Amino acid sequence: QVQLVESGGSEVQAGDSLTLSCSASGGNFRLLYMAWFRQAPGKEREFVARISWTGGNTDYTDSVKGRFTISRDNNKNTVTLRMTGLKPEDTAVYFCAAPRGASGYAGSTVSDYYYWGQGTQVTVSA
């Protein structure tokens, strides 16, 4: 059983930067792909970014490429999402997610992930 707790959400202005953190416990963190998803009001949850076991491979949705950076610290069991150049359309609840399975591998769809945090709100004002 993996527990995930996000933090760092806030209300900011367009163009600002913000860093989200996710702390994991209860599992072997370094054996898990990790990801960030977001969900805006009235919309489906969507993939934002994911990172491989050692952090050597990352993947982003097109709308955040060049602005967001995902990273992880396997010694601290944390995954971070650094967001720059924030836009009003980035407003959403951001969720940290981890897969379940022997390989620890996960793709970029919601169904690839089993463990979810409670989410942290990011609001970007124009």
Foldseek 3Di string as FASTA:
>chain_A
DKAKAKDWADEEAAQAKTKMKIAMDDDQLLQAKKFKWWDDPPGDIFGAKIAHSQRPDMDGDPVQPPFWDWDDDSVRRMIMIIGGRDDQVVWTWMKMFIADDDRNDADGDPVRTDYIYPTGTHGYHD
